[in-house]
PDB file of N, CA and C in Angstrom:
ATOM      1  N   MET A   1     -15.514  38.085  34.248  1.00  0.00           N
ATOM      2  CA  MET A   1     -14.882  38.619  32.940  1.00  0.00           C
ATOM      3  C   MET A   1     -13.810  37.413  32.431  1.00  0.00           C
ATOM      4  N   VAL A   2     -13.995  37.022  31.312  1.00  0.00           N
ATOM      5  CA  VAL A   2     -13.261  36.024  30.719  1.00  0.00           C
ATOM      6  C   VAL A   2     -11.863  36.425  30.119  1.00  0.00           C
ATOM      7  N   ASN A   3     -10.763  35.597  30.624  1.00  0.00           N
ATOM      8  CA  ASN A   3      -9.442  36.122  30.236  1.00  0.00           C
ATOM      9  C   ASN A   3      -9.365  35.402  28.975  1.00  0.00           C
ATOM     10  N   LEU A   4      -8.613  36.064  27.991  1.00  0.00           N
ATOM     11  CA  LEU A   4      -8.253  35.213  26.715  1.00  0.00           C
ATOM     12  C   LEU A   4      -7.057  34.665  26.763  1.00  0.00           C
ATOM     13  N   LEU A   5      -6.801  33.451  26.095  1.00  0.00           N
ATOM     14  CA  LEU A   5      -5.564  32.857  25.966  1.00  0.00           C
ATOM     15  C   LEU A   5      -4.491  33.701  25.519  1.00  0.00           C
ATOM     16  N   PHE A   6      -3.349  33.905  26.158  1.00  0.00           N
ATOM     17  CA  PHE A   6      -2.331  34.866  25.571  1.00  0.00           C
ATOM     18  C   PHE A   6      -2.695  36.220  25.193  1.00  0.00           C
ATOM     19  N   GLU A   7      -3.719  36.762  26.243  1.00  0.00           N
ATOM     20  CA  GLU A   7      -4.258  38.125  25.962  1.00  0.00           C
ATOM     21  C   GLU A   7      -3.225  39.143  25.761  1.00  0.00           C
ATOM     22  N   ASN A   8      -2.456  39.209  26.776  1.00  0.00           N
ATOM     23  CA  ASN A   8      -1.404  40.279  26.751  1.00  0.00           C
ATOM     24  C   ASN A   8      -0.477  40.249  25.467  1.00  0.00           C
ATOM     25  N   GLU A   9       0.098  39.033  25.181  1.00  0.00           N
ATOM     26  CA  GLU A   9       0.950  39.020  24.013  1.00  0.00           C
ATOM     27  C   GLU A   9       0.318  39.193  22.983  1.00  0.00           C
ATOM     28  N   THR A  10      -0.835  38.759  22.671  1.00  0.00           N
ATOM     29  CA  THR A  10      -1.624  39.005  21.282  1.00  0.00           C
ATOM     30  C   THR A  10      -2.058  40.682  21.387  1.00  0.00           C
ATOM     31  N   TYR A  11      -2.397  41.287  22.468  1.00  0.00           N
ATOM     32  CA  TYR A  11      -2.461  42.786  22.428  1.00  0.00           C
ATOM     33  C   TYR A  11      -1.029  43.493  22.004  1.00  0.00           C
ATOM     34  N   LYS A  12       0.251  43.074  22.341  1.00  0.00           N
ATOM     35  CA  LYS A  12       1.284  43.451  22.015  1.00  0.00           C
ATOM     36  C   LYS A  12       1.627  43.320  20.569  1.00  0.00           C
ATOM     37  N   ILE A  13       1.394  42.237  19.996  1.00  0.00           N
ATOM     38  CA  ILE A  13       1.573  41.940  18.735  1.00  0.00           C
ATOM     39  C   ILE A  13       0.700  42.719  17.773  1.00  0.00           C
ATOM     40  N   ILE A  14      -0.725  42.908  18.027  1.00  0.00           N
ATOM     41  CA  ILE A  14      -1.527  43.682  17.281  1.00  0.00           C
ATOM     42  C   ILE A  14      -0.970  45.161  17.301  1.00  0.00           C
ATOM     43  N   GLY A  15      -0.596  45.493  18.427  1.00  0.00           N
ATOM     44  CA  GLY A  15      -0.197  47.057  18.715  1.00  0.00           C
ATOM     45  C   GLY A  15       1.205  47.146  17.678  1.00  0.00           C
ATOM     46  N   LEU A  16       1.917  46.183  17.655  1.00  0.00           N
ATOM     47  CA  LEU A  16       3.261  46.248  16.923  1.00  0.00           C
ATOM     48  C   LEU A  16       2.662  46.390  15.442  1.00  0.00           C
ATOM     49  N   CYS A  17       1.820  45.622  14.968  1.00  0.00           N
ATOM     50  CA  CYS A  17       1.109  45.593  13.670  1.00  0.00           C
ATOM     51  C   CYS A  17       0.731  46.925  13.201  1.00  0.00           C
ATOM     52  N   MET A  18      -0.078  47.498  14.306  1.00  0.00           N
ATOM     53  CA  MET A  18      -0.722  48.893  14.070  1.00  0.00           C
ATOM     54  C   MET A  18       0.392  49.960  13.958  1.00  0.00           C
ATOM     55  N   GLU A  19       1.427  49.787  14.668  1.00  0.00           N
ATOM     56  CA  GLU A  19       2.475  50.927  14.509  1.00  0.00           C
ATOM     57  C   GLU A  19       3.069  50.553  13.108  1.00  0.00           C
ATOM     58  N   VAL A  20       3.458  49.336  12.699  1.00  0.00           N
ATOM     59  CA  VAL A  20       4.052  49.145  11.282  1.00  0.00           C
ATOM     60  C   VAL A  20       3.030  49.706  10.272  1.00  0.00           C
ATOM     61  N   TYR A  21       1.751  49.468  10.334  1.00  0.00           N
ATOM     62  CA  TYR A  21       0.732  49.958   9.313  1.00  0.00           C
ATOM     63  C   TYR A  21       0.726  51.468   9.387  1.00  0.00           C
ATOM     64  N   ARG A  22       0.896  52.140  10.458  1.00  0.00           N
ATOM     65  CA  ARG A  22       0.617  53.495  10.716  1.00  0.00           C
ATOM     66  C   ARG A  22       1.608  54.092   9.836  1.00  0.00           C
ATOM     67  N   ILE A  23       2.842  53.808   9.850  1.00  0.00           N
ATOM     68  CA  ILE A  23       3.959  54.593   9.181  1.00  0.00           C
ATOM     69  C   ILE A  23       3.827  54.517   7.704  1.00  0.00           C
ATOM     70  N   PRO A  24       3.973  53.340   7.014  1.00  0.00           N
ATOM     71  CA  PRO A  24       3.891  53.458   5.336  1.00  0.00           C
ATOM     72  C   PRO A  24       2.318  53.338   4.978  1.00  0.00           C
ATOM     73  N   GLY A  25       1.329  53.016   5.694  1.00  0.00           N
ATOM     74  CA  GLY A  25       0.108  52.938   5.254  1.00  0.00           C
ATOM     75  C   GLY A  25      -0.047  51.662   4.578  1.00  0.00           C
ATOM     76  N   HIS A  26      -1.261  51.540   3.706  1.00  0.00           N
ATOM     77  CA  HIS A  26      -1.532  50.357   2.828  1.00  0.00           C
ATOM     78  C   HIS A  26      -0.832  50.534   1.472  1.00  0.00           C
ATOM     79  N   GLY A  27      -0.804  49.457   0.756  1.00  0.00           N
ATOM     80  CA  GLY A  27      -0.449  49.491  -0.757  1.00  0.00           C
ATOM     81  C   GLY A  27       0.906  48.980  -1.057  1.00  0.00           C
ATOM     82  N   PHE A  28       1.717  48.608   0.123  1.00  0.00           N
ATOM     83  CA  PHE A  28       3.032  48.051  -0.275  1.00  0.00           C
ATOM     84  C   PHE A  28       2.907  46.434  -0.207  1.00  0.00           C
ATOM     85  N   SER A  29       3.911  45.774  -0.804  1.00  0.00           N
ATOM     86  CA  SER A  29       3.981  44.246  -0.812  1.00  0.00           C
ATOM     87  C   SER A  29       4.134  43.649   0.665  1.00  0.00           C
ATOM     88  N   GLU A  30       3.794  42.541   0.864  1.00  0.00           N
ATOM     89  CA  GLU A  30       3.923  41.791   2.059  1.00  0.00           C
ATOM     90  C   GLU A  30       5.309  41.992   2.682  1.00  0.00           C
ATOM     91  N   ILE A  31       6.526  41.750   1.720  1.00  0.00           N
ATOM     92  CA  ILE A  31       7.859  41.755   2.335  1.00  0.00           C
ATOM     93  C   ILE A  31       8.043  43.186   3.133  1.00  0.00           C
ATOM     94  N   VAL A  32       7.550  44.313   2.537  1.00  0.00           N
ATOM     95  CA  VAL A  32       7.822  45.551   3.323  1.00  0.00           C
ATOM     96  C   VAL A  32       7.340  45.440   4.734  1.00  0.00           C
ATOM     97  N   TYR A  33       6.088  44.940   4.987  1.00  0.00           N
ATOM     98  CA  TYR A  33       5.566  44.789   6.055  1.00  0.00           C
ATOM     99  C   TYR A  33       6.302  43.831   7.236  1.00  0.00           C
ATOM    100  N   LYS A  34       6.742  42.768   6.470  1.00  0.00           N
ATOM    101  CA  LYS A  34       7.230  41.689   7.242  1.00  0.00           C
ATOM    102  C   LYS A  34       8.642  42.270   7.760  1.00  0.00           C
ATOM    103  N   ASP A  35       9.359  42.930   6.812  1.00  0.00           N
ATOM    104  CA  ASP A  35      10.675  43.507   7.308  1.00  0.00           C
ATOM    105  C   ASP A  35      10.515  44.458   8.348  1.00  0.00           C
ATOM    106  N   ALA A  36       9.576  45.366   8.175  1.00  0.00           N
ATOM    107  CA  ALA A  36       9.263  46.548   9.226  1.00  0.00           C
ATOM    108  C   ALA A  36       8.707  45.688  10.554  1.00  0.00           C
ATOM    109  N   MET A  37       8.083  44.577  10.422  1.00  0.00           N
ATOM    110  CA  MET A  37       7.694  44.061  11.755  1.00  0.00           C
ATOM    111  C   MET A  37       8.998  43.590  12.447  1.00  0.00           C
ATOM    112  N   MET A  38       9.956  43.046  11.839  1.00  0.00           N
ATOM    113  CA  MET A  38      11.136  42.482  12.408  1.00  0.00           C
ATOM    114  C   MET A  38      11.838  43.718  13.146  1.00  0.00           C
ATOM    115  N   VAL A  39      11.895  44.917  12.477  1.00  0.00           N
ATOM    116  CA  VAL A  39      12.453  46.101  13.181  1.00  0.00           C
ATOM    117  C   VAL A  39      11.686  46.523  14.284  1.00  0.00           C
ATOM    118  N   GLU A  40      10.393  46.503  14.147  1.00  0.00           N
ATOM    119  CA  GLU A  40       9.409  47.061  15.325  1.00  0.00           C
ATOM    120  C   GLU A  40       9.500  46.078  16.561  1.00  0.00           C
ATOM    121  N   ALA A  41       9.485  44.852  16.142  1.00  0.00           N
ATOM    122  CA  ALA A  41       9.681  43.859  17.389  1.00  0.00           C
ATOM    123  C   ALA A  41      10.925  43.955  17.978  1.00  0.00           C
ATOM    124  N   GLU A  42      11.911  44.203  17.367  1.00  0.00           N
ATOM    125  CA  GLU A  42      13.232  44.435  18.159  1.00  0.00           C
ATOM    126  C   GLU A  42      13.300  45.838  18.851  1.00  0.00           C
ATOM    127  N   LEU A  43      12.525  46.777  18.373  1.00  0.00           N
ATOM    128  CA  LEU A  43      12.299  47.937  19.090  1.00  0.00           C
ATOM    129  C   LEU A  43      11.616  47.960  20.410  1.00  0.00           C
ATOM    130  N   LYS A  44      10.694  46.987  20.291  1.00  0.00           N
ATOM    131  CA  LYS A  44       9.669  46.822  21.365  1.00  0.00           C
ATOM    132  C   LYS A  44      10.041  45.594  22.225  1.00  0.00           C
ATOM    133  N   ASP A  45      11.261  45.020  21.965  1.00  0.00           N
ATOM    134  CA  ASP A  45      11.677  43.844  22.634  1.00  0.00           C
ATOM    135  C   ASP A  45      10.653  42.729  22.645  1.00  0.00           C
ATOM    136  N   ILE A  46      10.104  42.372  21.495  1.00  0.00           N
ATOM    137  CA  ILE A  46       9.118  41.313  21.456  1.00  0.00           C
ATOM    138  C   ILE A  46       9.658  40.197  20.805  1.00  0.00           C
ATOM    139  N   GLN A  47       9.523  38.920  21.625  1.00  0.00           N
ATOM    140  CA  GLN A  47      10.259  37.715  21.170  1.00  0.00           C
ATOM    141  C   GLN A  47       9.505  37.286  19.715  1.00  0.00           C
ATOM    142  N   ILE A  48      10.339  37.103  18.797  1.00  0.00           N
ATOM    143  CA  ILE A  48       9.700  36.748  17.308  1.00  0.00           C
ATOM    144  C   ILE A  48      10.817  36.042  16.576  1.00  0.00           C
ATOM    145  N   GLN A  49      10.167  35.047  15.781  1.00  0.00           N
ATOM    146  CA  GLN A  49      10.869  34.129  14.865  1.00  0.00           C
ATOM    147  C   GLN A  49      10.281  34.387  13.654  1.00  0.00           C
ATOM    148  N   ARG A  50      11.203  34.603  12.374  1.00  0.00           N
ATOM    149  CA  ARG A  50      10.528  34.766  11.031  1.00  0.00           C
ATOM    150  C   ARG A  50      10.798  33.481  10.410  1.00  0.00           C
ATOM    151  N   ALA A  51       9.781  33.147   9.430  1.00  0.00           N
ATOM    152  CA  ALA A  51       9.667  32.044   8.650  1.00  0.00           C
ATOM    153  C   ALA A  51      10.127  30.715   9.320  1.00  0.00           C
ATOM    154  N   LYS A  52       9.565  30.409  10.538  1.00  0.00           N
ATOM    155  CA  LYS A  52       9.923  29.153  11.347  1.00  0.00           C
ATOM    156  C   LYS A  52       9.407  28.127  10.572  1.00  0.00           C
ATOM    157  N   GLU A  53      10.340  26.979  10.428  1.00  0.00           N
ATOM    158  CA  GLU A  53      10.059  25.788   9.742  1.00  0.00           C
ATOM    159  C   GLU A  53       9.366  24.752  10.703  1.00  0.00           C
ATOM    160  N   PHE A  54       8.399  24.150  10.325  1.00  0.00           N
ATOM    161  CA  PHE A  54       7.705  23.144  11.096  1.00  0.00           C
ATOM    162  C   PHE A  54       7.625  22.014  10.050  1.00  0.00           C
ATOM    163  N   THR A  55       7.856  20.828  10.701  1.00  0.00           N
ATOM    164  CA  THR A  55       7.642  19.449  10.277  1.00  0.00           C
ATOM    165  C   THR A  55       6.386  18.885  10.464  1.00  0.00           C
ATOM    166  N   ILE A  56       5.951  18.187   9.437  1.00  0.00           N
ATOM    167  CA  ILE A  56       4.600  17.440   9.709  1.00  0.00           C
ATOM    168  C   ILE A  56       4.871  15.834   9.694  1.00  0.00           C
ATOM    169  N   THR A  57       4.365  15.305  10.800  1.00  0.00           N
ATOM    170  CA  THR A  57       4.572  13.799  10.965  1.00  0.00           C
ATOM    171  C   THR A  57       3.239  13.119  10.616  1.00  0.00           C
ATOM    172  N   TYR A  58       3.351  12.017   9.739  1.00  0.00           N
ATOM    173  CA  TYR A  58       2.286  11.153   9.374  1.00  0.00           C
ATOM    174  C   TYR A  58       2.691   9.632   9.680  1.00  0.00           C
ATOM    175  N   LYS A  59       1.797   9.049  10.641  1.00  0.00           N
ATOM    176  CA  LYS A  59       2.065   7.659  10.954  1.00  0.00           C
ATOM    177  C   LYS A  59       3.483   7.553  11.356  1.00  0.00           C
ATOM    178  N   GLN A  60       3.981   8.337  12.411  1.00  0.00           N
ATOM    179  CA  GLN A  60       5.231   8.378  12.891  1.00  0.00           C
ATOM    180  C   GLN A  60       6.525   8.522  12.002  1.00  0.00           C
ATOM    181  N   THR A  61       6.115   9.172  10.672  1.00  0.00           N
ATOM    182  CA  THR A  61       7.077   9.386   9.650  1.00  0.00           C
ATOM    183  C   THR A  61       7.008  10.921   9.200  1.00  0.00           C
ATOM    184  N   ILE A  62       8.162  11.546   9.609  1.00  0.00           N
ATOM    185  CA  ILE A  62       8.250  12.991   9.136  1.00  0.00           C
ATOM    186  C   ILE A  62       8.233  13.125   7.634  1.00  0.00           C
ATOM    187  N   LEU A  63       7.204  13.849   7.215  1.00  0.00           N
ATOM    188  CA  LEU A  63       7.061  14.001   5.613  1.00  0.00           C
ATOM    189  C   LEU A  63       8.230  15.040   5.116  1.00  0.00           C
ATOM    190  N   LYS A  64       8.385  14.810   3.922  1.00  0.00           N
ATOM    191  CA  LYS A  64       9.649  15.532   3.437  1.00  0.00           C
ATOM    192  C   LYS A  64       9.387  17.152   3.119  1.00  0.00           C
ATOM    193  N   HIS A  65       8.103  17.538   2.952  1.00  0.00           N
ATOM    194  CA  HIS A  65       7.844  18.827   2.917  1.00  0.00           C
ATOM    195  C   HIS A  65       7.378  19.455   4.173  1.00  0.00           C
ATOM    196  N   SER A  66       8.011  20.609   4.375  1.00  0.00           N
ATOM    197  CA  SER A  66       7.864  21.431   5.718  1.00  0.00           C
ATOM    198  C   SER A  66       6.940  22.651   5.474  1.00  0.00           C
ATOM    199  N   PHE A  67       6.395  23.114   6.556  1.00  0.00           N
ATOM    200  CA  PHE A  67       5.590  24.259   6.272  1.00  0.00           C
ATOM    201  C   PHE A  67       6.434  25.433   7.188  1.00  0.00           C
ATOM    202  N   PHE A  68       6.248  26.590   6.581  1.00  0.00           N
ATOM    203  CA  PHE A  68       6.894  27.862   7.322  1.00  0.00           C
ATOM    204  C   PHE A  68       5.831  28.700   7.689  1.00  0.00           C
ATOM    205  N   ALA A  69       5.764  28.955   8.868  1.00  0.00           N
ATOM    206  CA  ALA A  69       4.959  30.036   9.450  1.00  0.00           C
ATOM    207  C   ALA A  69       5.574  31.363   9.342  1.00  0.00           C
ATOM    208  N   ASP A  70       4.844  32.567   8.812  1.00  0.00           N
ATOM    209  CA  ASP A  70       5.385  33.777   8.662  1.00  0.00           C
ATOM    210  C   ASP A  70       6.127  34.264   9.858  1.00  0.00           C
ATOM    211  N   TYR A  71       5.450  34.210  11.003  1.00  0.00           N
ATOM    212  CA  TYR A  71       6.174  34.492  12.148  1.00  0.00           C
ATOM    213  C   TYR A  71       5.545  33.545  13.347  1.00  0.00           C
ATOM    214  N   VAL A  72       6.475  33.358  14.286  1.00  0.00           N
ATOM    215  CA  VAL A  72       6.038  32.671  15.705  1.00  0.00           C
ATOM    216  C   VAL A  72       6.490  33.787  16.758  1.00  0.00           C
ATOM    217  N   PHE A  73       5.552  34.240  17.528  1.00  0.00           N
ATOM    218  CA  PHE A  73       5.850  35.124  18.613  1.00  0.00           C
ATOM    219  C   PHE A  73       5.645  34.370  19.957  1.00  0.00           C
ATOM    220  N   TYR A  74       6.775  34.826  20.961  1.00  0.00           N
ATOM    221  CA  TYR A  74       6.765  34.105  22.169  1.00  0.00           C
ATOM    222  C   TYR A  74       6.635  32.548  22.157  1.00  0.00           C
ATOM    223  N   ASP A  75       7.017  32.005  21.051  1.00  0.00           N
ATOM    224  CA  ASP A  75       7.237  30.447  21.005  1.00  0.00           C
ATOM    225  C   ASP A  75       5.925  29.922  20.938  1.00  0.00           C
ATOM    226  N   ASN A  76       4.794  30.579  20.817  1.00  0.00           N
ATOM    227  CA  ASN A  76       3.529  29.879  20.758  1.00  0.00           C
ATOM    228  C   ASN A  76       2.405  30.518  20.066  1.00  0.00           C
ATOM    229  N   ILE A  77       2.744  31.753  19.449  1.00  0.00           N
ATOM    230  CA  ILE A  77       1.590  32.451  18.737  1.00  0.00           C
ATOM    231  C   ILE A  77       2.037  32.625  17.259  1.00  0.00           C
ATOM    232  N   ILE A  78       1.344  31.920  16.365  1.00  0.00           N
ATOM    233  CA  ILE A  78       1.540  32.049  14.934  1.00  0.00           C
ATOM    234  C   ILE A  78       0.911  33.324  14.350  1.00  0.00           C
ATOM    235  N   ALA A  79       1.578  33.967  13.624  1.00  0.00           N
ATOM    236  CA  ALA A  79       1.111  35.034  12.799  1.00  0.00           C
ATOM    237  C   ALA A  79       1.338  34.913  11.363  1.00  0.00           C
ATOM    238  N   GLU A  80       0.187  35.007  10.531  1.00  0.00           N
ATOM    239  CA  GLU A  80       0.295  34.991   9.107  1.00  0.00           C
ATOM    240  C   GLU A  80       0.092  36.316   8.722  1.00  0.00           C
ATOM    241  N   ILE A  81       0.836  36.770   7.659  1.00  0.00           N
ATOM    242  CA  ILE A  81       0.754  38.288   7.300  1.00  0.00           C
ATOM    243  C   ILE A  81       0.244  38.360   5.738  1.00  0.00           C
ATOM    244  N   ARG A  82      -0.638  39.206   5.416  1.00  0.00           N
ATOM    245  CA  ARG A  82      -1.163  39.422   4.096  1.00  0.00           C
ATOM    246  C   ARG A  82      -1.016  40.900   3.835  1.00  0.00           C
ATOM    247  N   ALA A  83      -0.999  41.123   2.605  1.00  0.00           N
ATOM    248  CA  ALA A  83      -1.108  42.518   2.186  1.00  0.00           C
ATOM    249  C   ALA A  83      -1.995  42.477   0.957  1.00  0.00           C
ATOM    250  N   ALA A  84      -3.246  42.040   1.219  1.00  0.00           N
ATOM    251  CA  ALA A  84      -4.297  41.771   0.113  1.00  0.00           C
ATOM    252  C   ALA A  84      -5.364  42.919   0.226  1.00  0.00           C
ATOM    253  N   GLU A  85      -5.937  43.222  -0.774  1.00  0.00           N
ATOM    254  CA  GLU A  85      -6.953  44.253  -0.933  1.00  0.00           C
ATOM    255  C   GLU A  85      -8.284  43.668  -0.278  1.00  0.00           C
ATOM    256  N   ASN A  86      -8.492  42.203  -0.670  1.00  0.00           N
ATOM    257  CA  ASN A  86      -9.546  41.391  -0.338  1.00  0.00           C
ATOM    258  C   ASN A  86      -9.528  41.146   1.342  1.00  0.00           C
ATOM    259  N   ALA A  87     -10.623  41.233   1.854  1.00  0.00           N
ATOM    260  CA  ALA A  87     -10.724  40.883   3.470  1.00  0.00           C
ATOM    261  C   ALA A  87     -10.125  39.538   3.647  1.00  0.00           C
ATOM    262  N   ILE A  88      -9.851  39.322   4.918  1.00  0.00           N
ATOM    263  CA  ILE A  88      -9.274  37.982   5.443  1.00  0.00           C
ATOM    264  C   ILE A  88     -10.622  36.970   5.073  1.00  0.00           C
ATOM    265  N   ASN A  89     -10.242  35.903   4.412  1.00  0.00           N
ATOM    266  CA  ASN A  89     -11.217  34.994   3.930  1.00  0.00           C
ATOM    267  C   ASN A  89     -11.055  33.599   4.545  1.00  0.00           C
ATOM    268  N   ASP A  90     -12.051  32.725   4.063  1.00  0.00           N
ATOM    269  CA  ASP A  90     -11.802  31.302   4.549  1.00  0.00           C
ATOM    270  C   ASP A  90     -10.642  30.751   4.366  1.00  0.00           C
ATOM    271  N   ALA A  91     -10.135  30.899   3.258  1.00  0.00           N
ATOM    272  CA  ALA A  91      -8.738  30.126   2.822  1.00  0.00           C
ATOM    273  C   ALA A  91      -7.671  30.606   3.818  1.00  0.00           C
ATOM    274  N   CYS A  92      -7.607  31.792   4.199  1.00  0.00           N
ATOM    275  CA  CYS A  92      -6.612  32.328   4.985  1.00  0.00           C
ATOM    276  C   CYS A  92      -6.833  31.711   6.573  1.00  0.00           C
ATOM    277  N   ILE A  93      -8.022  31.673   6.798  1.00  0.00           N
ATOM    278  CA  ILE A  93      -8.432  31.131   8.077  1.00  0.00           C
ATOM    279  C   ILE A  93      -8.102  29.468   8.095  1.00  0.00           C
ATOM    280  N   SER A  94      -8.529  28.874   7.130  1.00  0.00           N
ATOM    281  CA  SER A  94      -8.320  27.475   7.040  1.00  0.00           C
ATOM    282  C   SER A  94      -6.768  27.167   7.099  1.00  0.00           C
ATOM    283  N   GLN A  95      -5.925  27.974   6.311  1.00  0.00           N
ATOM    284  CA  GLN A  95      -4.595  27.747   6.328  1.00  0.00           C
ATOM    285  C   GLN A  95      -4.004  27.963   7.703  1.00  0.00           C
ATOM    286  N   THR A  96      -4.305  29.025   8.251  1.00  0.00           N
ATOM    287  CA  THR A  96      -3.773  29.330   9.732  1.00  0.00           C
ATOM    288  C   THR A  96      -4.116  28.385  10.750  1.00  0.00           C
ATOM    289  N   LEU A  97      -5.524  27.904  10.780  1.00  0.00           N
ATOM    290  CA  LEU A  97      -5.914  26.854  11.544  1.00  0.00           C
ATOM    291  C   LEU A  97      -5.182  25.484  11.422  1.00  0.00           C
ATOM    292  N   ASN A  98      -4.726  25.186  10.113  1.00  0.00           N
ATOM    293  CA  ASN A  98      -3.977  23.904   9.826  1.00  0.00           C
ATOM    294  C   ASN A  98      -2.564  24.195  10.406  1.00  0.00           C
ATOM    295  N   TYR A  99      -2.129  25.472  10.376  1.00  0.00           N
ATOM    296  CA  TYR A  99      -0.731  25.539  10.908  1.00  0.00           C
ATOM    297  C   TYR A  99      -0.858  25.247  12.404  1.00  0.00           C
ATOM    298  N   LEU A 100      -1.720  25.965  13.017  1.00  0.00           N
ATOM    299  CA  LEU A 100      -1.921  25.697  14.518  1.00  0.00           C
ATOM    300  C   LEU A 100      -1.893  24.142  14.734  1.00  0.00           C
ATOM    301  N   LYS A 101      -2.774  23.436  14.170  1.00  0.00           N
ATOM    302  CA  LYS A 101      -2.807  22.142  14.463  1.00  0.00           C
ATOM    303  C   LYS A 101      -1.549  21.348  14.230  1.00  0.00           C
ATOM    304  N   ALA A 102      -0.985  21.676  13.000  1.00  0.00           N
ATOM    305  CA  ALA A 102       0.291  21.027  12.760  1.00  0.00           C
ATOM    306  C   ALA A 102       1.321  21.433  13.730  1.00  0.00           C
ATOM    307  N   PHE A 103       1.458  22.644  14.207  1.00  0.00           N
ATOM    308  CA  PHE A 103       2.576  23.141  15.028  1.00  0.00           C
ATOM    309  C   PHE A 103       2.342  23.037  16.414  1.00  0.00           C
ATOM    310  N   GLY A 104       1.031  22.545  16.963  1.00  0.00           N
ATOM    311  CA  GLY A 104       0.898  22.402  18.254  1.00  0.00           C
ATOM    312  C   GLY A 104       0.556  23.586  18.835  1.00  0.00           C
ATOM    313  N   CYS A 105       0.351  24.764  18.335  1.00  0.00           N
ATOM    314  CA  CYS A 105      -0.049  26.166  18.971  1.00  0.00           C
ATOM    315  C   CYS A 105      -1.430  26.372  19.162  1.00  0.00           C
ATOM    316  N   LYS A 106      -1.821  27.044  20.123  1.00  0.00           N
ATOM    317  CA  LYS A 106      -3.210  27.306  20.312  1.00  0.00           C
ATOM    318  C   LYS A 106      -3.591  28.659  19.902  1.00  0.00           C
ATOM    319  N   VAL A 107      -2.828  29.569  19.603  1.00  0.00           N
ATOM    320  CA  VAL A 107      -3.271  31.037  19.089  1.00  0.00           C
ATOM    321  C   VAL A 107      -2.758  31.267  18.053  1.00  0.00           C
ATOM    322  N   GLY A 108      -3.487  31.821  16.817  1.00  0.00           N
ATOM    323  CA  GLY A 108      -3.062  32.315  15.716  1.00  0.00           C
ATOM    324  C   GLY A 108      -3.599  33.666  15.311  1.00  0.00           C
ATOM    325  N   LEU A 109      -2.724  34.478  14.739  1.00  0.00           N
ATOM    326  CA  LEU A 109      -3.299  35.778  14.135  1.00  0.00           C
ATOM    327  C   LEU A 109      -3.183  35.869  12.715  1.00  0.00           C
ATOM    328  N   ILE A 110      -4.110  36.398  11.997  1.00  0.00           N
ATOM    329  CA  ILE A 110      -4.081  36.806  10.571  1.00  0.00           C
ATOM    330  C   ILE A 110      -3.912  38.278  10.525  1.00  0.00           C
ATOM    331  N   ILE A 111      -2.882  38.868   9.962  1.00  0.00           N
ATOM    332  CA  ILE A 111      -2.909  40.190   9.800  1.00  0.00           C
ATOM    333  C   ILE A 111      -2.825  40.706   8.337  1.00  0.00           C
ATOM    334  N   ASN A 112      -3.789  41.670   8.069  1.00  0.00           N
ATOM    335  CA  ASN A 112      -3.896  41.991   6.537  1.00  0.00           C
ATOM    336  C   ASN A 112      -3.576  43.532   6.632  1.00  0.00           C
ATOM    337  N   PHE A 113      -2.386  43.849   5.938  1.00  0.00           N
ATOM    338  CA  PHE A 113      -1.930  45.283   5.841  1.00  0.00           C
ATOM    339  C   PHE A 113      -2.490  45.903   4.508  1.00  0.00           C
ATOM    340  N   GLY A 114      -3.129  45.214   3.793  1.00  0.00           N
ATOM    341  CA  GLY A 114      -3.551  45.633   2.308  1.00  0.00           C
ATOM    342  C   GLY A 114      -4.773  46.403   2.272  1.00  0.00           C
ATOM    343  N   ARG A 115      -5.306  46.523   3.329  1.00  0.00           N
ATOM    344  CA  ARG A 115      -6.865  47.429   3.206  1.00  0.00           C
ATOM    345  C   ARG A 115      -6.677  48.866   3.658  1.00  0.00           C
ATOM    346  N   ASN A 116      -7.835  49.482   3.626  1.00  0.00           N
ATOM    347  CA  ASN A 116      -7.647  50.969   3.946  1.00  0.00           C
ATOM    348  C   ASN A 116      -7.481  51.313   5.561  1.00  0.00           C
ATOM    349  N   SER A 117      -7.707  50.199   6.423  1.00  0.00           N
ATOM    350  CA  SER A 117      -7.374  50.034   7.731  1.00  0.00           C
ATOM    351  C   SER A 117      -6.860  48.741   8.109  1.00  0.00           C
ATOM    352  N   LEU A 118      -5.842  48.597   8.953  1.00  0.00           N
ATOM    353  CA  LEU A 118      -5.273  47.245   9.475  1.00  0.00           C
ATOM    354  C   LEU A 118      -6.463  46.311   9.696  1.00  0.00           C
ATOM    355  N   GLU A 119      -6.326  45.140   9.199  1.00  0.00           N
ATOM    356  CA  GLU A 119      -7.356  44.071   9.586  1.00  0.00           C
ATOM    357  C   GLU A 119      -6.575  42.900  10.263  1.00  0.00           C
ATOM    358  N   HIS A 120      -7.393  42.473  11.332  1.00  0.00           N
ATOM    359  CA  HIS A 120      -6.776  41.273  11.935  1.00  0.00           C
ATOM    360  C   HIS A 120      -7.702  40.485  12.435  1.00  0.00           C
ATOM    361  N   ARG A 121      -7.327  39.124  12.632  1.00  0.00           N
ATOM    362  CA  ARG A 121      -8.311  37.975  13.063  1.00  0.00           C
ATOM    363  C   ARG A 121      -7.428  37.211  14.005  1.00  0.00           C
ATOM    364  N   ARG A 122      -8.151  36.987  15.316  1.00  0.00           N
ATOM    365  CA  ARG A 122      -7.452  36.019  16.275  1.00  0.00           C
ATOM    366  C   ARG A 122      -8.312  34.735  16.167  1.00  0.00           C
ATOM    367  N   LEU A 123      -7.327  33.668  16.078  1.00  0.00           N
ATOM    368  CA  LEU A 123      -7.992  32.359  15.929  1.00  0.00           C
ATOM    369  C   LEU A 123      -7.453  31.510  17.074  1.00  0.00           C
ATOM    370  N   ILE A 124      -8.235  30.529  17.731  1.00  0.00           N
ATOM    371  CA  ILE A 124      -7.850  29.679  18.562  1.00  0.00           C
ATOM    372  C   ILE A 124      -8.062  28.266  18.149  1.00  0.00           C
ATOM    373  N   PHE A 125      -7.084  27.422  18.267  1.00  0.00           N
ATOM    374  CA  PHE A 125      -7.245  26.142  18.018  1.00  0.00           C
ATOM    375  C   PHE A 125      -7.348  25.325  19.361  1.00  0.00           C
TER     376      PHE A 125
END
């Protein structure tokens, strides 16, 4: 059996998201789910940082524009949050993969609260 990278941590994060989705359901804006995730992470004692800023370096020069990951869990798992009626698409995947590359993280999660059931995708860079 193959062990997944950060398997236990991603399992906890997805469980946290399922609990957040279970209570209000779908149909709210992203900010509602993001706020609820902070509360739930605190209740479950899960290490989380919201809107973590990352700089991009180009030829040893830090560029003036930064990127902000929606969440960073356990200092090494990026989570991007959506509340879209559409499924997770290639644009979401590309954005998250770019964040993983830029931030030096190996695992990313895309969580979509906007559908009839919670949708999530686990990415490895």
